[in-house]
N, C-alpha and C. Protein backbone atom coordinates (compact mmCIF):
# COMPACT_ATOMS: atom_id res chain seq x y z
N MET A 1 99.77 -148.31 46.00
CA MET A 1 100.42 -147.97 47.26
C MET A 1 99.54 -148.47 48.40
N ASN A 2 100.16 -148.94 49.41
CA ASN A 2 99.47 -149.41 50.60
C ASN A 2 98.63 -148.28 51.19
N ILE A 3 97.38 -148.58 51.53
CA ILE A 3 96.47 -147.55 52.05
C ILE A 3 96.97 -146.97 53.38
N PHE A 4 97.60 -147.79 54.20
CA PHE A 4 98.11 -147.29 55.48
C PHE A 4 99.30 -146.36 55.27
N ARG A 5 100.12 -146.67 54.29
CA ARG A 5 101.26 -145.81 53.99
C ARG A 5 100.76 -144.46 53.46
N ARG A 6 99.77 -144.50 52.57
CA ARG A 6 99.21 -143.25 52.02
C ARG A 6 98.57 -142.43 53.14
N LEU A 7 97.85 -143.09 54.04
CA LEU A 7 97.24 -142.40 55.17
C LEU A 7 98.31 -141.76 56.05
N TYR A 8 99.40 -142.48 56.28
CA TYR A 8 100.51 -141.93 57.06
C TYR A 8 101.08 -140.69 56.37
N TYR A 9 101.29 -140.76 55.05
CA TYR A 9 101.82 -139.62 54.31
C TYR A 9 100.88 -138.41 54.37
N ILE A 10 99.58 -138.68 54.30
CA ILE A 10 98.60 -137.58 54.38
C ILE A 10 98.64 -136.94 55.77
N LEU A 11 98.65 -137.74 56.80
CA LEU A 11 98.70 -137.21 58.17
C LEU A 11 100.01 -136.47 58.43
N ASP A 12 101.11 -137.01 57.93
CA ASP A 12 102.42 -136.36 58.06
C ASP A 12 102.39 -134.99 57.39
N PHE A 13 101.85 -134.93 56.17
CA PHE A 13 101.77 -133.67 55.45
C PHE A 13 100.89 -132.67 56.20
N LEU A 14 99.72 -133.11 56.66
CA LEU A 14 98.80 -132.21 57.36
C LEU A 14 99.44 -131.65 58.63
N ALA A 15 100.18 -132.48 59.35
CA ALA A 15 100.84 -132.00 60.56
C ALA A 15 101.89 -130.94 60.24
N ILE A 16 102.74 -131.20 59.25
CA ILE A 16 103.77 -130.24 58.87
C ILE A 16 103.14 -128.95 58.37
N TYR A 17 102.09 -129.09 57.54
CA TYR A 17 101.44 -127.90 56.99
C TYR A 17 100.75 -127.10 58.10
N ALA A 18 100.12 -127.77 59.04
CA ALA A 18 99.44 -127.07 60.15
C ALA A 18 100.44 -126.28 60.98
N VAL A 19 101.60 -126.85 61.25
CA VAL A 19 102.62 -126.15 62.02
C VAL A 19 103.08 -124.90 61.25
N GLN A 20 103.33 -125.03 59.96
CA GLN A 20 103.75 -123.87 59.17
C GLN A 20 102.66 -122.82 59.09
N LEU A 21 101.42 -123.24 58.99
CA LEU A 21 100.30 -122.32 58.91
C LEU A 21 100.17 -121.52 60.21
N VAL A 22 100.25 -122.21 61.34
CA VAL A 22 100.16 -121.53 62.64
C VAL A 22 101.34 -120.58 62.82
N ARG A 23 102.54 -121.05 62.47
CA ARG A 23 103.74 -120.21 62.60
C ARG A 23 103.63 -118.94 61.76
N SER A 24 103.18 -119.07 60.53
CA SER A 24 103.08 -117.89 59.67
C SER A 24 101.99 -116.94 60.15
N ASN A 25 100.89 -117.49 60.67
CA ASN A 25 99.83 -116.64 61.22
C ASN A 25 100.31 -115.85 62.43
N ILE A 26 101.06 -116.49 63.29
CA ILE A 26 101.62 -115.80 64.47
C ILE A 26 102.57 -114.70 64.03
N LEU A 27 103.40 -114.99 63.05
CA LEU A 27 104.35 -113.99 62.54
C LEU A 27 103.62 -112.78 61.96
N ILE A 28 102.58 -113.02 61.17
CA ILE A 28 101.80 -111.92 60.59
C ILE A 28 101.10 -111.13 61.70
N ALA A 29 100.49 -111.83 62.66
CA ALA A 29 99.80 -111.14 63.76
C ALA A 29 100.78 -110.30 64.57
N TYR A 30 101.95 -110.84 64.84
CA TYR A 30 102.97 -110.08 65.57
C TYR A 30 103.35 -108.82 64.81
N ASP A 31 103.53 -108.95 63.51
CA ASP A 31 103.90 -107.80 62.70
C ASP A 31 102.80 -106.73 62.70
N ILE A 32 101.56 -107.15 62.71
CA ILE A 32 100.44 -106.20 62.71
C ILE A 32 100.34 -105.48 64.05
N LEU A 33 100.60 -106.20 65.13
CA LEU A 33 100.42 -105.65 66.47
C LEU A 33 101.60 -104.83 66.97
N THR A 34 102.74 -104.91 66.34
CA THR A 34 103.91 -104.14 66.77
C THR A 34 104.05 -102.89 65.90
N PRO A 35 104.67 -101.85 66.45
CA PRO A 35 104.77 -100.60 65.68
C PRO A 35 105.70 -100.69 64.45
N GLU A 36 106.73 -101.49 64.51
CA GLU A 36 107.64 -101.59 63.37
C GLU A 36 107.28 -102.78 62.49
N MET A 37 107.54 -102.62 61.20
CA MET A 37 107.29 -103.71 60.25
C MET A 37 108.57 -104.52 60.09
N ASN A 38 108.45 -105.82 60.19
CA ASN A 38 109.61 -106.71 60.06
C ASN A 38 109.61 -107.44 58.73
N THR A 39 108.80 -106.97 57.80
CA THR A 39 108.70 -107.66 56.51
C THR A 39 109.92 -107.36 55.65
N ASN A 40 110.18 -108.29 54.76
CA ASN A 40 111.22 -108.13 53.76
C ASN A 40 110.69 -108.83 52.50
N PRO A 41 109.73 -108.19 51.80
CA PRO A 41 109.08 -108.87 50.68
C PRO A 41 110.01 -109.08 49.50
N GLY A 42 109.69 -110.11 48.74
CA GLY A 42 110.47 -110.41 47.54
C GLY A 42 109.87 -111.56 46.76
N PHE A 43 110.43 -111.79 45.59
CA PHE A 43 109.99 -112.88 44.73
C PHE A 43 111.09 -113.93 44.64
N ILE A 44 110.66 -115.19 44.58
CA ILE A 44 111.59 -116.30 44.44
C ILE A 44 111.09 -117.20 43.31
N ARG A 45 112.00 -117.61 42.46
CA ARG A 45 111.69 -118.57 41.40
C ARG A 45 111.99 -119.96 41.95
N VAL A 46 110.95 -120.78 42.01
CA VAL A 46 111.05 -122.08 42.64
C VAL A 46 110.91 -123.18 41.60
N PRO A 47 111.85 -124.13 41.55
CA PRO A 47 111.69 -125.26 40.62
C PRO A 47 110.56 -126.17 41.08
N LEU A 48 109.74 -126.60 40.14
CA LEU A 48 108.65 -127.52 40.42
C LEU A 48 109.13 -128.95 40.24
N THR A 49 108.90 -129.77 41.24
CA THR A 49 109.25 -131.19 41.12
C THR A 49 108.01 -132.05 40.96
N LEU A 50 106.85 -131.46 41.15
CA LEU A 50 105.59 -132.20 41.02
C LEU A 50 105.25 -132.39 39.56
N LYS A 51 104.71 -133.55 39.23
CA LYS A 51 104.36 -133.85 37.84
C LYS A 51 102.85 -133.91 37.63
N SER A 52 102.11 -134.34 38.64
CA SER A 52 100.66 -134.50 38.46
C SER A 52 99.96 -133.14 38.53
N GLU A 53 98.88 -133.04 37.77
CA GLU A 53 98.07 -131.82 37.77
C GLU A 53 97.51 -131.55 39.16
N PHE A 54 96.99 -132.60 39.79
CA PHE A 54 96.41 -132.44 41.12
C PHE A 54 97.47 -132.01 42.13
N GLY A 55 98.67 -132.57 42.04
CA GLY A 55 99.74 -132.20 42.94
C GLY A 55 100.12 -130.73 42.80
N MET A 56 100.23 -130.26 41.55
CA MET A 56 100.55 -128.84 41.34
C MET A 56 99.43 -127.93 41.83
N LEU A 57 98.19 -128.34 41.60
CA LEU A 57 97.04 -127.55 42.06
C LEU A 57 97.04 -127.47 43.59
N LEU A 58 97.21 -128.60 44.24
CA LEU A 58 97.25 -128.65 45.70
C LEU A 58 98.39 -127.80 46.24
N PHE A 59 99.56 -127.97 45.66
CA PHE A 59 100.74 -127.23 46.10
C PHE A 59 100.55 -125.73 45.96
N SER A 60 100.13 -125.26 44.79
CA SER A 60 100.00 -123.82 44.58
C SER A 60 98.90 -123.23 45.46
N ASN A 61 97.81 -123.96 45.64
CA ASN A 61 96.74 -123.44 46.50
C ASN A 61 97.16 -123.40 47.97
N LEU A 62 97.79 -124.46 48.45
CA LEU A 62 98.22 -124.47 49.85
C LEU A 62 99.30 -123.43 50.12
N LEU A 63 100.18 -123.24 49.17
CA LEU A 63 101.22 -122.22 49.33
C LEU A 63 100.60 -120.83 49.36
N SER A 64 99.61 -120.60 48.51
CA SER A 64 98.95 -119.30 48.47
C SER A 64 98.07 -119.05 49.69
N MET A 65 97.55 -120.11 50.31
CA MET A 65 96.71 -119.95 51.50
C MET A 65 97.55 -119.69 52.75
N THR A 66 98.83 -119.94 52.68
CA THR A 66 99.70 -119.68 53.82
C THR A 66 99.98 -118.18 53.89
N PRO A 67 99.68 -117.53 55.02
CA PRO A 67 99.92 -116.09 55.11
C PRO A 67 101.38 -115.75 54.83
N GLY A 68 101.58 -114.75 54.01
CA GLY A 68 102.93 -114.30 53.69
C GLY A 68 103.48 -114.87 52.41
N THR A 69 102.78 -115.80 51.76
CA THR A 69 103.24 -116.35 50.48
C THR A 69 102.10 -116.34 49.47
N LEU A 70 102.48 -116.20 48.22
CA LEU A 70 101.49 -116.20 47.14
C LEU A 70 102.15 -116.67 45.86
N VAL A 71 101.60 -117.68 45.23
CA VAL A 71 102.08 -118.13 43.93
C VAL A 71 101.55 -117.15 42.90
N THR A 72 102.45 -116.49 42.18
CA THR A 72 102.02 -115.46 41.23
C THR A 72 102.09 -115.92 39.78
N ASP A 73 102.90 -116.94 39.47
CA ASP A 73 103.02 -117.38 38.09
C ASP A 73 103.56 -118.80 38.04
N ILE A 74 103.12 -119.53 37.02
CA ILE A 74 103.67 -120.85 36.72
C ILE A 74 104.14 -120.79 35.27
N THR A 75 105.36 -121.19 35.01
CA THR A 75 105.87 -121.14 33.64
C THR A 75 105.09 -122.09 32.75
N GLU A 76 105.09 -121.79 31.45
CA GLU A 76 104.33 -122.60 30.50
C GLU A 76 104.76 -124.07 30.51
N ASN A 77 106.05 -124.30 30.66
CA ASN A 77 106.54 -125.68 30.67
C ASN A 77 106.38 -126.35 32.04
N ARG A 78 105.83 -125.63 33.00
CA ARG A 78 105.55 -126.13 34.35
C ARG A 78 106.79 -126.63 35.08
N LYS A 79 107.89 -125.95 34.83
CA LYS A 79 109.13 -126.31 35.51
C LYS A 79 109.43 -125.40 36.69
N PHE A 80 108.84 -124.19 36.70
CA PHE A 80 109.10 -123.21 37.76
C PHE A 80 107.81 -122.48 38.13
N ILE A 81 107.77 -122.03 39.38
CA ILE A 81 106.72 -121.12 39.82
C ILE A 81 107.39 -119.88 40.40
N LEU A 82 106.69 -118.77 40.34
CA LEU A 82 107.17 -117.54 40.94
C LEU A 82 106.35 -117.31 42.19
N VAL A 83 107.02 -117.20 43.31
CA VAL A 83 106.36 -117.07 44.60
C VAL A 83 106.74 -115.74 45.23
N HIS A 84 105.72 -115.00 45.67
CA HIS A 84 105.97 -113.77 46.43
C HIS A 84 105.96 -114.15 47.90
N VAL A 85 107.01 -113.76 48.60
CA VAL A 85 107.11 -114.04 50.03
C VAL A 85 107.19 -112.71 50.78
N LEU A 86 106.55 -112.66 51.92
CA LEU A 86 106.53 -111.45 52.73
C LEU A 86 107.77 -111.35 53.62
N TYR A 87 108.31 -112.49 54.00
CA TYR A 87 109.48 -112.52 54.87
C TYR A 87 110.61 -113.27 54.16
N LEU A 88 111.30 -112.56 53.32
CA LEU A 88 112.39 -113.15 52.55
C LEU A 88 113.62 -113.25 53.42
N LYS A 89 113.92 -114.47 53.84
CA LYS A 89 115.15 -114.72 54.60
C LYS A 89 116.21 -114.95 53.54
N THR A 90 116.91 -116.03 53.65
CA THR A 90 117.80 -116.39 52.55
C THR A 90 116.99 -117.24 51.58
N GLU A 91 117.30 -117.12 50.32
CA GLU A 91 116.57 -117.86 49.30
C GLU A 91 116.70 -119.37 49.53
N ASP A 92 117.87 -119.81 49.98
CA ASP A 92 118.09 -121.24 50.22
C ASP A 92 117.16 -121.79 51.29
N GLU A 93 116.92 -121.01 52.36
CA GLU A 93 116.03 -121.45 53.43
C GLU A 93 114.61 -121.65 52.91
N ILE A 94 114.13 -120.68 52.16
CA ILE A 94 112.77 -120.74 51.64
C ILE A 94 112.64 -121.87 50.62
N LEU A 95 113.64 -122.02 49.76
CA LEU A 95 113.61 -123.10 48.78
C LEU A 95 113.60 -124.46 49.46
N ALA A 96 114.34 -124.60 50.55
CA ALA A 96 114.36 -125.87 51.28
C ALA A 96 112.99 -126.18 51.89
N GLU A 97 112.34 -125.16 52.46
CA GLU A 97 111.01 -125.36 53.03
C GLU A 97 110.01 -125.75 51.94
N ILE A 98 110.07 -125.05 50.82
CA ILE A 98 109.13 -125.33 49.72
C ILE A 98 109.40 -126.70 49.11
N LYS A 99 110.66 -127.08 49.02
CA LYS A 99 111.00 -128.40 48.49
C LYS A 99 110.43 -129.50 49.39
N LYS A 100 110.50 -129.28 50.70
CA LYS A 100 109.97 -130.25 51.65
C LYS A 100 108.46 -130.41 51.47
N ILE A 101 107.76 -129.30 51.26
CA ILE A 101 106.31 -129.36 51.04
C ILE A 101 106.00 -130.11 49.74
N GLN A 102 106.75 -129.79 48.68
CA GLN A 102 106.53 -130.48 47.40
C GLN A 102 106.74 -131.99 47.53
N GLU A 103 107.76 -132.38 48.25
CA GLU A 103 108.06 -133.81 48.40
C GLU A 103 106.92 -134.52 49.14
N LYS A 104 106.39 -133.88 50.16
CA LYS A 104 105.29 -134.48 50.91
C LYS A 104 104.03 -134.58 50.04
N ILE A 105 103.77 -133.56 49.23
CA ILE A 105 102.61 -133.62 48.32
C ILE A 105 102.84 -134.68 47.25
N ARG A 106 104.05 -134.79 46.75
CA ARG A 106 104.36 -135.80 45.71
C ARG A 106 104.07 -137.21 46.25
N ARG A 107 104.44 -137.48 47.50
CA ARG A 107 104.19 -138.80 48.08
C ARG A 107 102.71 -139.12 48.15
N ILE A 108 101.87 -138.10 48.30
CA ILE A 108 100.43 -138.29 48.40
C ILE A 108 99.79 -138.46 47.02
N THR A 109 100.25 -137.66 46.05
CA THR A 109 99.52 -137.56 44.78
C THR A 109 100.08 -138.40 43.65
N GLU A 110 101.28 -138.86 43.75
CA GLU A 110 101.86 -139.61 42.60
C GLU A 110 102.11 -141.06 42.93
């Protein structure tokens, strides 16, 4: 792969991830500072599209480092992960966000 293209993909991923990280931190801070809790915790089973070991490691670690989400399990066949989310909106919304992150990581690692 062209080094400039890979660099672009890395910068694109870092920008998207930074925005999500800041957004989730603000949401958590707001919840802590207000008297009412706005959380709606739950678990979501997410299909894995990443094939490389490094891609899955990067994905699960970055997802777990984002406030409000935690990867709790990866199936033995590595087709699904179980993610705990603190702010469960609709499952489709969260799956779309996670799919976007996986696609960006796939472009970098595979």
